[in-house]
Amino acid sequence: MISKDDFRSAVIAGIRTVKSVDAVSIGDDEEFSNAGLDSLDSMNLVLEVESITGLNFGEFNLSDANTINEFFSKAEQLAAKGS
């Protein structure tokens, strides 16, 4: 499983790509909407994080995880099921 720091970096890189911005400032418990993401952006963020990390989220819905901490927790749960 990827470390939380690496996961956070992947999410921030994903947000930069999805929103076409150079810098993103978002805390681990801050909702993705605070970074300007809407529901379509969230779907694209999941795809970006998959691409960066090599993780497979399948039909994962980011609305179930609105923060970096929640998203990482879901990733850990998916990894545990895959083991």
PDB file of N, CA and C in Angstrom:
ATOM      1  N   MET A   1       0.844  -1.192   0.000  1.00  0.00           N
ATOM      2  CA  MET A   1       0.000   0.000   0.000  1.00  0.00           C
ATOM      3  C   MET A   1       0.881   1.243   0.000  1.00  0.00           C
ATOM      4  N   ILE A   2       0.435   2.253  -0.640  1.00  0.00           N
ATOM      5  CA  ILE A   2       1.138   3.531  -0.743  1.00  0.00           C
ATOM      6  C   ILE A   2       1.092   4.254   0.610  1.00  0.00           C
ATOM      7  N   SER A   3       2.145   5.011   0.911  1.00  0.00           N
ATOM      8  CA  SER A   3       2.153   5.779   2.157  1.00  0.00           C
ATOM      9  C   SER A   3       1.162   6.941   2.050  1.00  0.00           C
ATOM     10  N   LYS A   4       0.753   7.440   3.204  1.00  0.00           N
ATOM     11  CA  LYS A   4      -0.188   8.552   3.194  1.00  0.00           C
ATOM     12  C   LYS A   4       0.434   9.795   2.552  1.00  0.00           C
ATOM     13  N   ASP A   5       1.721  10.037   2.808  1.00  0.00           N
ATOM     14  CA  ASP A   5       2.380  11.197   2.196  1.00  0.00           C
ATOM     15  C   ASP A   5       2.398  11.094   0.679  1.00  0.00           C
ATOM     16  N   ASP A   6       2.710   9.902   0.169  1.00  0.00           N
ATOM     17  CA  ASP A   6       2.720   9.699  -1.283  1.00  0.00           C
ATOM     18  C   ASP A   6       1.308   9.813  -1.852  1.00  0.00           C
ATOM     19  N   PHE A   7       0.322   9.312  -1.106  1.00  0.00           N
ATOM     20  CA  PHE A   7      -1.068   9.401  -1.557  1.00  0.00           C
ATOM     21  C   PHE A   7      -1.498  10.863  -1.614  1.00  0.00           C
ATOM     22  N   ARG A   8      -1.172  11.624  -0.568  1.00  0.00           N
ATOM     23  CA  ARG A   8      -1.503  13.050  -0.532  1.00  0.00           C
ATOM     24  C   ARG A   8      -0.872  13.757  -1.733  1.00  0.00           C
ATOM     25  N   SER A   9       0.385  13.465  -2.010  1.00  0.00           N
ATOM     26  CA  SER A   9       1.067  14.079  -3.158  1.00  0.00           C
ATOM     27  C   SER A   9       0.374  13.721  -4.466  1.00  0.00           C
ATOM     28  N   ALA A  10      -0.073  12.483  -4.578  1.00  0.00           N
ATOM     29  CA  ALA A  10      -0.778  12.044  -5.789  1.00  0.00           C
ATOM     30  C   ALA A  10      -2.103  12.776  -5.935  1.00  0.00           C
ATOM     31  N   VAL A  11      -2.823  12.952  -4.829  1.00  0.00           N
ATOM     32  CA  VAL A  11      -4.114  13.656  -4.879  1.00  0.00           C
ATOM     33  C   VAL A  11      -3.893  15.111  -5.281  1.00  0.00           C
ATOM     34  N   ILE A  12      -2.908  15.750  -4.689  1.00  0.00           N
ATOM     35  CA  ILE A  12      -2.641  17.156  -5.016  1.00  0.00           C
ATOM     36  C   ILE A  12      -2.201  17.290  -6.473  1.00  0.00           C
ATOM     37  N   ALA A  13      -1.360  16.378  -6.940  1.00  0.00           N
ATOM     38  CA  ALA A  13      -0.968  16.396  -8.358  1.00  0.00           C
ATOM     39  C   ALA A  13      -2.185  16.169  -9.243  1.00  0.00           C
ATOM     40  N   GLY A  14      -3.067  15.286  -8.830  1.00  0.00           N
ATOM     41  CA  GLY A  14      -4.293  15.028  -9.582  1.00  0.00           C
ATOM     42  C   GLY A  14      -5.191  16.245  -9.651  1.00  0.00           C
ATOM     43  N   ILE A  15      -5.334  16.946  -8.531  1.00  0.00           N
ATOM     44  CA  ILE A  15      -6.153  18.164  -8.520  1.00  0.00           C
ATOM     45  C   ILE A  15      -5.542  19.208  -9.447  1.00  0.00           C
ATOM     46  N   ARG A  16      -4.218  19.362  -9.404  1.00  0.00           N
ATOM     47  CA  ARG A  16      -3.560  20.330 -10.302  1.00  0.00           C
ATOM     48  C   ARG A  16      -3.852  19.997 -11.758  1.00  0.00           C
ATOM     49  N   THR A  17      -3.814  18.710 -12.103  1.00  0.00           N
ATOM     50  CA  THR A  17      -4.085  18.292 -13.478  1.00  0.00           C
ATOM     51  C   THR A  17      -5.545  18.523 -13.853  1.00  0.00           C
ATOM     52  N   VAL A  18      -6.442  18.081 -12.989  1.00  0.00           N
ATOM     53  CA  VAL A  18      -7.879  18.190 -13.279  1.00  0.00           C
ATOM     54  C   VAL A  18      -8.309  19.646 -13.405  1.00  0.00           C
ATOM     55  N   LYS A  19      -7.793  20.507 -12.530  1.00  0.00           N
ATOM     56  CA  LYS A  19      -8.194  21.916 -12.531  1.00  0.00           C
ATOM     57  C   LYS A  19      -7.278  22.792 -13.387  1.00  0.00           C
ATOM     58  N   SER A  20      -6.216  22.203 -13.967  1.00  0.00           N
ATOM     59  CA  SER A  20      -5.260  22.949 -14.800  1.00  0.00           C
ATOM     60  C   SER A  20      -4.707  24.171 -14.068  1.00  0.00           C
ATOM     61  N   VAL A  21      -4.212  23.921 -12.854  1.00  0.00           N
ATOM     62  CA  VAL A  21      -3.606  24.979 -12.055  1.00  0.00           C
ATOM     63  C   VAL A  21      -2.204  24.539 -11.640  1.00  0.00           C
ATOM     64  N   ASP A  22      -1.374  25.512 -11.296  1.00  0.00           N
ATOM     65  CA  ASP A  22      -0.003  25.215 -10.900  1.00  0.00           C
ATOM     66  C   ASP A  22       0.132  24.879  -9.423  1.00  0.00           C
ATOM     67  N   ALA A  23      -0.744  25.448  -8.590  1.00  0.00           N
ATOM     68  CA  ALA A  23      -0.630  25.244  -7.148  1.00  0.00           C
ATOM     69  C   ALA A  23      -1.993  24.906  -6.554  1.00  0.00           C
ATOM     70  N   VAL A  24      -1.959  24.026  -5.558  1.00  0.00           N
ATOM     71  CA  VAL A  24      -3.175  23.635  -4.843  1.00  0.00           C
ATOM     72  C   VAL A  24      -2.858  23.663  -3.360  1.00  0.00           C
ATOM     73  N   SER A  25      -3.726  24.288  -2.607  1.00  0.00           N
ATOM     74  CA  SER A  25      -3.572  24.298  -1.160  1.00  0.00           C
ATOM     75  C   SER A  25      -4.834  23.700  -0.561  1.00  0.00           C
ATOM     76  N   ILE A  26      -4.686  22.500   0.000  1.00  0.00           N
ATOM     77  CA  ILE A  26      -5.833  21.825   0.610  1.00  0.00           C
ATOM     78  C   ILE A  26      -5.321  20.973   1.767  1.00  0.00           C
ATOM     79  N   GLY A  27      -5.993  21.079   2.897  1.00  0.00           N
ATOM     80  CA  GLY A  27      -5.627  20.283   4.060  1.00  0.00           C
ATOM     81  C   GLY A  27      -6.197  18.880   3.962  1.00  0.00           C
ATOM     82  N   ASP A  28      -5.652  17.985   4.765  1.00  0.00           N
ATOM     83  CA  ASP A  28      -6.089  16.583   4.726  1.00  0.00           C
ATOM     84  C   ASP A  28      -7.552  16.402   5.091  1.00  0.00           C
ATOM     85  N   ASP A  29      -8.110  17.312   5.894  1.00  0.00           N
ATOM     86  CA  ASP A  29      -9.508  17.206   6.301  1.00  0.00           C
ATOM     87  C   ASP A  29     -10.398  18.241   5.634  1.00  0.00           C
ATOM     88  N   GLU A  30      -9.870  18.921   4.639  1.00  0.00           N
ATOM     89  CA  GLU A  30     -10.622  19.928   3.903  1.00  0.00           C
ATOM     90  C   GLU A  30     -11.347  19.273   2.730  1.00  0.00           C
ATOM     91  N   GLU A  31     -12.602  19.630   2.509  1.00  0.00           N
ATOM     92  CA  GLU A  31     -13.379  19.029   1.424  1.00  0.00           C
ATOM     93  C   GLU A  31     -12.804  19.421   0.067  1.00  0.00           C
ATOM     94  N   PHE A  32     -12.880  18.472  -0.876  1.00  0.00           N
ATOM     95  CA  PHE A  32     -12.348  18.714  -2.216  1.00  0.00           C
ATOM     96  C   PHE A  32     -13.032  19.894  -2.898  1.00  0.00           C
ATOM     97  N   SER A  33     -14.265  20.179  -2.529  1.00  0.00           N
ATOM     98  CA  SER A  33     -14.958  21.329  -3.124  1.00  0.00           C
ATOM     99  C   SER A  33     -14.238  22.632  -2.792  1.00  0.00           C
ATOM    100  N   ASN A  34     -13.494  22.665  -1.676  1.00  0.00           N
ATOM    101  CA  ASN A  34     -12.719  23.864  -1.321  1.00  0.00           C
ATOM    102  C   ASN A  34     -11.574  24.098  -2.302  1.00  0.00           C
ATOM    103  N   ALA A  35     -11.188  23.053  -3.028  1.00  0.00           N
ATOM    104  CA  ALA A  35     -10.158  23.185  -4.063  1.00  0.00           C
ATOM    105  C   ALA A  35     -10.806  23.403  -5.431  1.00  0.00           C
ATOM    106  N   GLY A  36     -12.132  23.601  -5.430  1.00  0.00           N
ATOM    107  CA  GLY A  36     -12.835  23.909  -6.673  1.00  0.00           C
ATOM    108  C   GLY A  36     -13.327  22.706  -7.450  1.00  0.00           C
ATOM    109  N   LEU A  37     -13.290  21.503  -6.844  1.00  0.00           N
ATOM    110  CA  LEU A  37     -13.723  20.302  -7.561  1.00  0.00           C
ATOM    111  C   LEU A  37     -15.238  20.134  -7.472  1.00  0.00           C
ATOM    112  N   ASP A  38     -15.855  19.842  -8.621  1.00  0.00           N
ATOM    113  CA  ASP A  38     -17.265  19.465  -8.650  1.00  0.00           C
ATOM    114  C   ASP A  38     -17.342  17.954  -8.864  1.00  0.00           C
ATOM    115  N   SER A  39     -18.522  17.414  -9.079  1.00  0.00           N
ATOM    116  CA  SER A  39     -18.676  15.959  -9.184  1.00  0.00           C
ATOM    117  C   SER A  39     -17.941  15.380 -10.398  1.00  0.00           C
ATOM    118  N   LEU A  40     -17.954  16.061 -11.515  1.00  0.00           N
ATOM    119  CA  LEU A  40     -17.220  15.586 -12.692  1.00  0.00           C
ATOM    120  C   LEU A  40     -15.712  15.628 -12.441  1.00  0.00           C
ATOM    121  N   ASP A  41     -15.245  16.721 -11.830  1.00  0.00           N
ATOM    122  CA  ASP A  41     -13.833  16.821 -11.474  1.00  0.00           C
ATOM    123  C   ASP A  41     -13.428  15.683 -10.541  1.00  0.00           C
ATOM    124  N   SER A  42     -14.315  15.326  -9.625  1.00  0.00           N
ATOM    125  CA  SER A  42     -14.012  14.257  -8.667  1.00  0.00           C
ATOM    126  C   SER A  42     -13.797  12.926  -9.369  1.00  0.00           C
ATOM    127  N   MET A  43     -14.610  12.646 -10.366  1.00  0.00           N
ATOM    128  CA  MET A  43     -14.433  11.409 -11.141  1.00  0.00           C
ATOM    129  C   MET A  43     -13.081  11.422 -11.840  1.00  0.00           C
ATOM    130  N   ASN A  44     -12.727  12.566 -12.406  1.00  0.00           N
ATOM    131  CA  ASN A  44     -11.441  12.693 -13.082  1.00  0.00           C
ATOM    132  C   ASN A  44     -10.285  12.604 -12.093  1.00  0.00           C
ATOM    133  N   LEU A  45     -10.495  13.107 -10.874  1.00  0.00           N
ATOM    134  CA  LEU A  45      -9.459  13.011  -9.850  1.00  0.00           C
ATOM    135  C   LEU A  45      -9.168  11.557  -9.508  1.00  0.00           C
ATOM    136  N   VAL A  46     -10.204  10.748  -9.374  1.00  0.00           N
ATOM    137  CA  VAL A  46     -10.000   9.319  -9.087  1.00  0.00           C
ATOM    138  C   VAL A  46      -9.154   8.687 -10.191  1.00  0.00           C
ATOM    139  N   LEU A  47      -9.455   8.995 -11.441  1.00  0.00           N
ATOM    140  CA  LEU A  47      -8.685   8.454 -12.569  1.00  0.00           C
ATOM    141  C   LEU A  47      -7.230   8.929 -12.528  1.00  0.00           C
ATOM    142  N   GLU A  48      -7.022  10.192 -12.189  1.00  0.00           N
ATOM    143  CA  GLU A  48      -5.662  10.729 -12.094  1.00  0.00           C
ATOM    144  C   GLU A  48      -4.880  10.035 -10.981  1.00  0.00           C
ATOM    145  N   VAL A  49      -5.517   9.855  -9.832  1.00  0.00           N
ATOM    146  CA  VAL A  49      -4.834   9.209  -8.708  1.00  0.00           C
ATOM    147  C   VAL A  49      -4.525   7.756  -9.057  1.00  0.00           C
ATOM    148  N   GLU A  50      -5.443   7.092  -9.751  1.00  0.00           N
ATOM    149  CA  GLU A  50      -5.166   5.726 -10.218  1.00  0.00           C
ATOM    150  C   GLU A  50      -3.931   5.713 -11.115  1.00  0.00           C
ATOM    151  N   SER A  51      -3.871   6.646 -12.037  1.00  0.00           N
ATOM    152  CA  SER A  51      -2.763   6.713 -12.991  1.00  0.00           C
ATOM    153  C   SER A  51      -1.429   6.979 -12.281  1.00  0.00           C
ATOM    154  N   ILE A  52      -1.449   7.875 -11.321  1.00  0.00           N
ATOM    155  CA  ILE A  52      -0.226   8.250 -10.611  1.00  0.00           C
ATOM    156  C   ILE A  52       0.252   7.134  -9.687  1.00  0.00           C
ATOM    157  N   THR A  53      -0.677   6.498  -8.980  1.00  0.00           N
ATOM    158  CA  THR A  53      -0.308   5.535  -7.938  1.00  0.00           C
ATOM    159  C   THR A  53      -0.279   4.090  -8.399  1.00  0.00           C
ATOM    160  N   GLY A  54      -0.990   3.798  -9.492  1.00  0.00           N
ATOM    161  CA  GLY A  54      -1.102   2.410  -9.924  1.00  0.00           C
ATOM    162  C   GLY A  54      -2.183   1.646  -9.167  1.00  0.00           C
ATOM    163  N   LEU A  55      -2.887   2.326  -8.251  1.00  0.00           N
ATOM    164  CA  LEU A  55      -3.989   1.696  -7.531  1.00  0.00           C
ATOM    165  C   LEU A  55      -5.197   1.599  -8.455  1.00  0.00           C
ATOM    166  N   ASN A  56      -6.065   0.632  -8.191  1.00  0.00           N
ATOM    167  CA  ASN A  56      -7.278   0.464  -8.988  1.00  0.00           C
ATOM    168  C   ASN A  56      -8.479   0.667  -8.080  1.00  0.00           C
ATOM    169  N   PHE A  57      -9.221   1.751  -8.308  1.00  0.00           N
ATOM    170  CA  PHE A  57     -10.381   2.056  -7.491  1.00  0.00           C
ATOM    171  C   PHE A  57     -11.678   1.520  -8.078  1.00  0.00           C
ATOM    172  N   GLY A  58     -11.616   0.909  -9.249  1.00  0.00           N
ATOM    173  CA  GLY A  58     -12.813   0.343  -9.857  1.00  0.00           C
ATOM    174  C   GLY A  58     -13.894   1.387 -10.020  1.00  0.00           C
ATOM    175  N   GLU A  59     -15.066   1.086  -9.508  1.00  0.00           N
ATOM    176  CA  GLU A  59     -16.220   1.987  -9.620  1.00  0.00           C
ATOM    177  C   GLU A  59     -16.329   2.906  -8.410  1.00  0.00           C
ATOM    178  N   PHE A  60     -15.212   3.245  -7.812  1.00  0.00           N
ATOM    179  CA  PHE A  60     -15.174   4.075  -6.610  1.00  0.00           C
ATOM    180  C   PHE A  60     -15.823   5.431  -6.856  1.00  0.00           C
ATOM    181  N   ASN A  61     -16.659   5.869  -5.923  1.00  0.00           N
ATOM    182  CA  ASN A  61     -17.338   7.153  -6.013  1.00  0.00           C
ATOM    183  C   ASN A  61     -16.743   8.085  -4.970  1.00  0.00           C
ATOM    184  N   LEU A  62     -16.083   9.143  -5.406  1.00  0.00           N
ATOM    185  CA  LEU A  62     -15.414  10.045  -4.496  1.00  0.00           C
ATOM    186  C   LEU A  62     -16.390  10.801  -3.597  1.00  0.00           C
ATOM    187  N   SER A  63     -17.670  10.782  -3.914  1.00  0.00           N
ATOM    188  CA  SER A  63     -18.631  11.443  -3.025  1.00  0.00           C
ATOM    189  C   SER A  63     -18.690  10.739  -1.672  1.00  0.00           C
ATOM    190  N   ASP A  64     -18.191   9.504  -1.613  1.00  0.00           N
ATOM    191  CA  ASP A  64     -18.114   8.778  -0.342  1.00  0.00           C
ATOM    192  C   ASP A  64     -16.866   9.153   0.448  1.00  0.00           C
ATOM    193  N   ALA A  65     -16.012   9.959  -0.128  1.00  0.00           N
ATOM    194  CA  ALA A  65     -14.762  10.361   0.514  1.00  0.00           C
ATOM    195  C   ALA A  65     -14.419  11.773   0.059  1.00  0.00           C
ATOM    196  N   ASN A  66     -14.851  12.757   0.816  1.00  0.00           N
ATOM    197  CA  ASN A  66     -14.737  14.151   0.386  1.00  0.00           C
ATOM    198  C   ASN A  66     -13.467  14.865   0.815  1.00  0.00           C
ATOM    199  N   THR A  67     -12.548  14.149   1.468  1.00  0.00           N
ATOM    200  CA  THR A  67     -11.295  14.757   1.907  1.00  0.00           C
ATOM    201  C   THR A  67     -10.140  13.808   1.581  1.00  0.00           C
ATOM    202  N   ILE A  68      -8.933  14.314   1.669  1.00  0.00           N
ATOM    203  CA  ILE A  68      -7.776  13.450   1.446  1.00  0.00           C
ATOM    204  C   ILE A  68      -7.760  12.314   2.455  1.00  0.00           C
ATOM    205  N   ASN A  69      -8.034  12.618   3.726  1.00  0.00           N
ATOM    206  CA  ASN A  69      -8.042  11.564   4.751  1.00  0.00           C
ATOM    207  C   ASN A  69      -9.080  10.492   4.456  1.00  0.00           C
ATOM    208  N   GLU A  70     -10.289  10.900   4.065  1.00  0.00           N
ATOM    209  CA  GLU A  70     -11.344   9.929   3.750  1.00  0.00           C
ATOM    210  C   GLU A  70     -10.989   9.117   2.507  1.00  0.00           C
ATOM    211  N   PHE A  71     -10.431   9.769   1.502  1.00  0.00           N
ATOM    212  CA  PHE A  71     -10.031   9.093   0.265  1.00  0.00           C
ATOM    213  C   PHE A  71      -8.938   8.065   0.576  1.00  0.00           C
ATOM    214  N   PHE A  72      -7.956   8.440   1.403  1.00  0.00           N
ATOM    215  CA  PHE A  72      -6.886   7.518   1.773  1.00  0.00           C
ATOM    216  C   PHE A  72      -7.454   6.328   2.556  1.00  0.00           C
ATOM    217  N   SER A  73      -8.388   6.590   3.453  1.00  0.00           N
ATOM    218  CA  SER A  73      -9.016   5.522   4.227  1.00  0.00           C
ATOM    219  C   SER A  73      -9.730   4.528   3.309  1.00  0.00           C
ATOM    220  N   LYS A  74     -10.437   5.037   2.315  1.00  0.00           N
ATOM    221  CA  LYS A  74     -11.113   4.169   1.349  1.00  0.00           C
ATOM    222  C   LYS A  74     -10.100   3.367   0.542  1.00  0.00           C
ATOM    223  N   ALA A  75      -8.978   4.007   0.182  1.00  0.00           N
ATOM    224  CA  ALA A  75      -7.931   3.299  -0.551  1.00  0.00           C
ATOM    225  C   ALA A  75      -7.382   2.154   0.290  1.00  0.00           C
ATOM    226  N   GLU A  76      -7.185   2.405   1.576  1.00  0.00           N
ATOM    227  CA  GLU A  76      -6.699   1.348   2.481  1.00  0.00           C
ATOM    228  C   GLU A  76      -7.704   0.206   2.567  1.00  0.00           C
ATOM    229  N   GLN A  77      -8.988   0.527   2.630  1.00  0.00           N
ATOM    230  CA  GLN A  77     -10.038  -0.495   2.698  1.00  0.00           C
ATOM    231  C   GLN A  77     -10.043  -1.342   1.429  1.00  0.00           C
ATOM    232  N   LEU A  78      -9.932  -0.683   0.280  1.00  0.00           N
ATOM    233  CA  LEU A  78      -9.899  -1.412  -0.984  1.00  0.00           C
ATOM    234  C   LEU A  78      -8.673  -2.316  -1.064  1.00  0.00           C
ATOM    235  N   ALA A  79      -7.530  -1.816  -0.591  1.00  0.00           N
ATOM    236  CA  ALA A  79      -6.295  -2.606  -0.604  1.00  0.00           C
ATOM    237  C   ALA A  79      -6.433  -3.818   0.307  1.00  0.00           C
ATOM    238  N   ALA A  80      -7.094  -3.646   1.449  1.00  0.00           N
ATOM    239  CA  ALA A  80      -7.269  -4.760   2.385  1.00  0.00           C
ATOM    240  C   ALA A  80      -8.174  -5.841   1.784  1.00  0.00           C
ATOM    241  N   LYS A  81      -9.186  -5.418   1.044  1.00  0.00           N
ATOM    242  CA  LYS A  81     -10.092  -6.384   0.396  1.00  0.00           C
ATOM    243  C   LYS A  81      -9.379  -7.156  -0.706  1.00  0.00           C
ATOM    244  N   GLY A  82      -8.408  -6.497  -1.336  1.00  0.00           N
ATOM    245  CA  GLY A  82      -7.674  -7.120  -2.429  1.00  0.00           C
ATOM    246  C   GLY A  82      -6.611  -8.101  -1.960  1.00  0.00           C
ATOM    247  N   SER A  83      -6.286  -8.038  -0.671  1.00  0.00           N
ATOM    248  CA  SER A  83      -5.226  -8.911  -0.136  1.00  0.00           C
ATOM    249  C   SER A  83      -5.718 -10.314   0.113  1.00  0.00           C
TER     250      SER A  83
END
